[in-house]
Amino acid sequence: MTETPSQLPPPAYRNPSDDERLNGLRTLTHILYALYAVHWLTGGITSLVALIIDYVKRDDVAGTPYADHVEWQIRTFWRTLIGYVVGIALMYAAGLTFTFAPALSIGYPIVFAGVGFPLLGATCVWALYRIIKGWLFLNDNKTLDPQAWF
């Protein structure tokens, strides 16, 4: 049995404003990755700005290909902040041990600084990796798992 044209479903038409909206969200996501990428040069101010924009735009990107990228950026920020705080706390503890407990300062500052400094370095490398990976996936129109660590 052959189908007549009237029995076929109507063709799907895309609203031009949807394309403009998606292009705008894509551009915004690129800008947010750029803000995260330069956070080392600004003392973290640009990453804080990007985080606020991510939270404000979270509902707007829901259901789009950019939702995973926004979630990826948010998780990268918070996980990086935890790494920075722990690393700096260990470095600070090394200084306090040396200053206020000279008798204990034989090995403890080295241990604290020996863990804190590499942790800060690893956190920086990990954050840079996530920014680059996310930005490349955005450029290639790929989705990513925002809950993944790597």
Protein backbone atom coordinates (compact mmCIF):
# COMPACT_ATOMS: atom_id res chain seq x y z
CA MET A 1 0.00 0.00 0.00
CA THR A 2 1.43 3.37 -0.92
CA GLU A 3 1.12 6.41 1.21
CA THR A 4 -0.22 9.62 -0.14
CA PRO A 5 1.50 12.87 0.73
CA SER A 6 -1.38 13.85 3.02
CA GLN A 7 -0.70 10.82 5.26
CA LEU A 8 2.93 11.74 5.90
CA PRO A 9 3.75 13.73 8.99
CA PRO A 10 4.38 17.40 8.35
CA PRO A 11 8.03 18.35 8.03
CA ALA A 12 9.68 19.68 11.13
CA TYR A 13 10.31 23.38 10.96
CA ARG A 14 12.78 25.06 13.19
CA ASN A 15 12.00 28.43 14.51
CA PRO A 16 14.78 30.88 13.52
CA SER A 17 14.70 32.34 17.03
CA ASP A 18 15.65 28.89 18.42
CA ASP A 19 18.77 28.87 16.26
CA GLU A 20 19.66 32.37 17.41
CA ARG A 21 19.11 31.34 21.03
CA LEU A 22 21.35 28.28 20.65
CA ASN A 23 24.05 30.33 18.92
CA GLY A 24 23.88 32.85 21.75
CA LEU A 25 24.19 30.12 24.38
CA ARG A 26 27.13 28.60 22.49
CA THR A 27 28.89 31.96 22.37
CA LEU A 28 28.20 32.51 26.07
CA THR A 29 29.64 29.09 26.91
CA HIS A 30 32.82 29.95 24.97
CA ILE A 31 33.08 33.21 26.91
CA LEU A 32 32.63 31.38 30.21
CA TYR A 33 35.42 28.94 29.36
CA ALA A 34 37.62 31.95 28.55
CA LEU A 35 36.80 33.52 31.92
CA TYR A 36 37.72 30.30 33.70
CA ALA A 37 40.93 30.02 31.64
CA VAL A 38 42.26 33.41 32.78
CA HIS A 39 41.34 33.06 36.44
CA TRP A 40 45.02 32.61 37.38
CA LEU A 41 45.78 36.06 35.96
CA THR A 42 42.97 37.79 37.86
CA GLY A 43 43.27 36.18 41.27
CA GLY A 44 40.14 34.13 40.65
CA ILE A 45 37.80 37.06 40.02
CA THR A 46 36.93 35.96 36.48
CA SER A 47 36.09 32.44 37.64
CA LEU A 48 33.78 33.89 40.26
CA VAL A 49 32.07 36.00 37.58
CA ALA A 50 31.78 32.91 35.35
CA LEU A 51 30.32 30.87 38.22
CA ILE A 52 27.64 33.49 38.88
CA ILE A 53 26.74 33.57 35.18
CA ASP A 54 26.65 29.75 35.12
CA TYR A 55 24.16 29.69 37.97
CA VAL A 56 22.04 32.47 36.45
CA LYS A 57 21.94 30.79 33.02
CA ARG A 58 21.54 27.23 34.31
CA ASP A 59 17.79 27.15 33.66
CA ASP A 60 18.19 28.76 30.22
CA VAL A 61 20.56 26.04 29.01
CA ALA A 62 18.49 23.17 30.40
CA GLY A 63 17.61 20.78 27.60
CA THR A 64 20.24 22.18 25.24
CA PRO A 65 23.62 20.72 24.29
CA TYR A 66 25.24 23.32 26.55
CA ALA A 67 23.65 22.16 29.81
CA ASP A 68 26.42 19.61 30.39
CA HIS A 69 29.07 22.26 29.78
CA VAL A 70 27.54 24.62 32.35
CA GLU A 71 27.37 21.81 34.90
CA TRP A 72 30.97 20.82 34.03
CA GLN A 73 32.11 24.41 34.64
CA ILE A 74 30.27 24.66 37.97
CA ARG A 75 31.73 21.39 39.22
CA THR A 76 35.19 22.38 38.03
CA PHE A 77 34.97 25.61 40.02
CA TRP A 78 33.90 23.98 43.30
CA ARG A 79 36.31 21.05 43.06
CA THR A 80 39.18 23.38 42.20
CA LEU A 81 38.30 25.65 45.11
CA ILE A 82 38.40 22.68 47.50
CA GLY A 83 41.85 21.70 46.18
CA TYR A 84 43.12 25.27 46.57
CA VAL A 85 41.74 25.61 50.11
CA VAL A 86 43.23 22.31 51.30
CA GLY A 87 46.59 23.04 49.66
CA ILE A 88 46.79 26.54 51.10
CA ALA A 89 45.69 25.29 54.54
CA LEU A 90 48.53 22.75 54.51
CA MET A 91 51.02 25.42 53.46
CA TYR A 92 49.69 27.71 56.19
CA ALA A 93 49.94 24.90 58.76
CA ALA A 94 53.57 24.44 57.77
CA GLY A 95 54.23 28.11 58.50
CA LEU A 96 52.39 28.03 61.83
CA THR A 97 54.23 24.93 62.98
CA PHE A 98 57.55 26.53 62.18
CA THR A 99 56.62 29.83 63.85
CA PHE A 100 54.82 28.73 67.04
CA ALA A 101 56.31 25.33 67.78
CA PRO A 102 60.01 25.39 66.93
CA ALA A 103 60.57 22.12 68.77
CA LEU A 104 58.07 20.41 66.45
CA SER A 105 59.34 22.18 63.39
CA ILE A 106 62.00 19.61 62.66
CA GLY A 107 59.84 17.57 60.28
CA TYR A 108 56.26 18.80 60.34
CA PRO A 109 56.62 21.94 58.18
CA ILE A 110 58.34 19.89 55.52
CA VAL A 111 55.51 17.36 55.61
CA PHE A 112 52.78 20.01 55.43
CA ALA A 113 54.55 22.02 52.74
CA GLY A 114 55.60 18.81 51.00
CA VAL A 115 51.93 17.86 50.62
CA GLY A 116 50.39 21.33 50.26
CA PHE A 117 52.61 22.63 47.49
CA PRO A 118 52.23 19.58 45.20
CA LEU A 119 48.49 19.58 45.91
CA LEU A 120 48.25 23.18 44.71
CA GLY A 121 50.24 22.30 41.59
CA ALA A 122 48.10 19.24 40.87
CA THR A 123 44.93 21.28 41.38
CA CYS A 124 46.13 23.88 38.87
CA VAL A 125 46.99 21.23 36.28
CA TRP A 126 43.67 19.42 36.86
CA ALA A 127 41.67 22.66 36.49
CA LEU A 128 43.55 23.54 33.31
CA TYR A 129 42.86 20.05 31.95
CA ARG A 130 39.12 20.39 32.64
CA ILE A 131 38.96 23.84 31.05
CA ILE A 132 40.79 22.65 27.93
CA LYS A 133 38.79 19.43 27.64
CA GLY A 134 35.46 21.19 28.08
CA TRP A 135 36.37 23.94 25.62
CA LEU A 136 37.52 21.42 23.00
CA PHE A 137 34.34 19.36 23.44
CA LEU A 138 32.30 22.55 23.02
CA ASN A 139 34.22 23.45 19.89
CA ASP A 140 33.58 19.96 18.45
CA ASN A 141 29.88 20.02 19.48
CA LYS A 142 30.36 17.06 21.81
CA THR A 143 28.65 16.50 25.13
CA LEU A 144 30.55 15.46 28.19
CA ASP A 145 29.77 13.83 31.50
CA PRO A 146 29.67 16.69 34.00
CA GLN A 147 30.02 14.32 36.95
CA ALA A 148 33.29 12.83 35.71
CA TRP A 149 36.54 13.91 37.33
CA PHE A 150 38.56 13.64 34.13
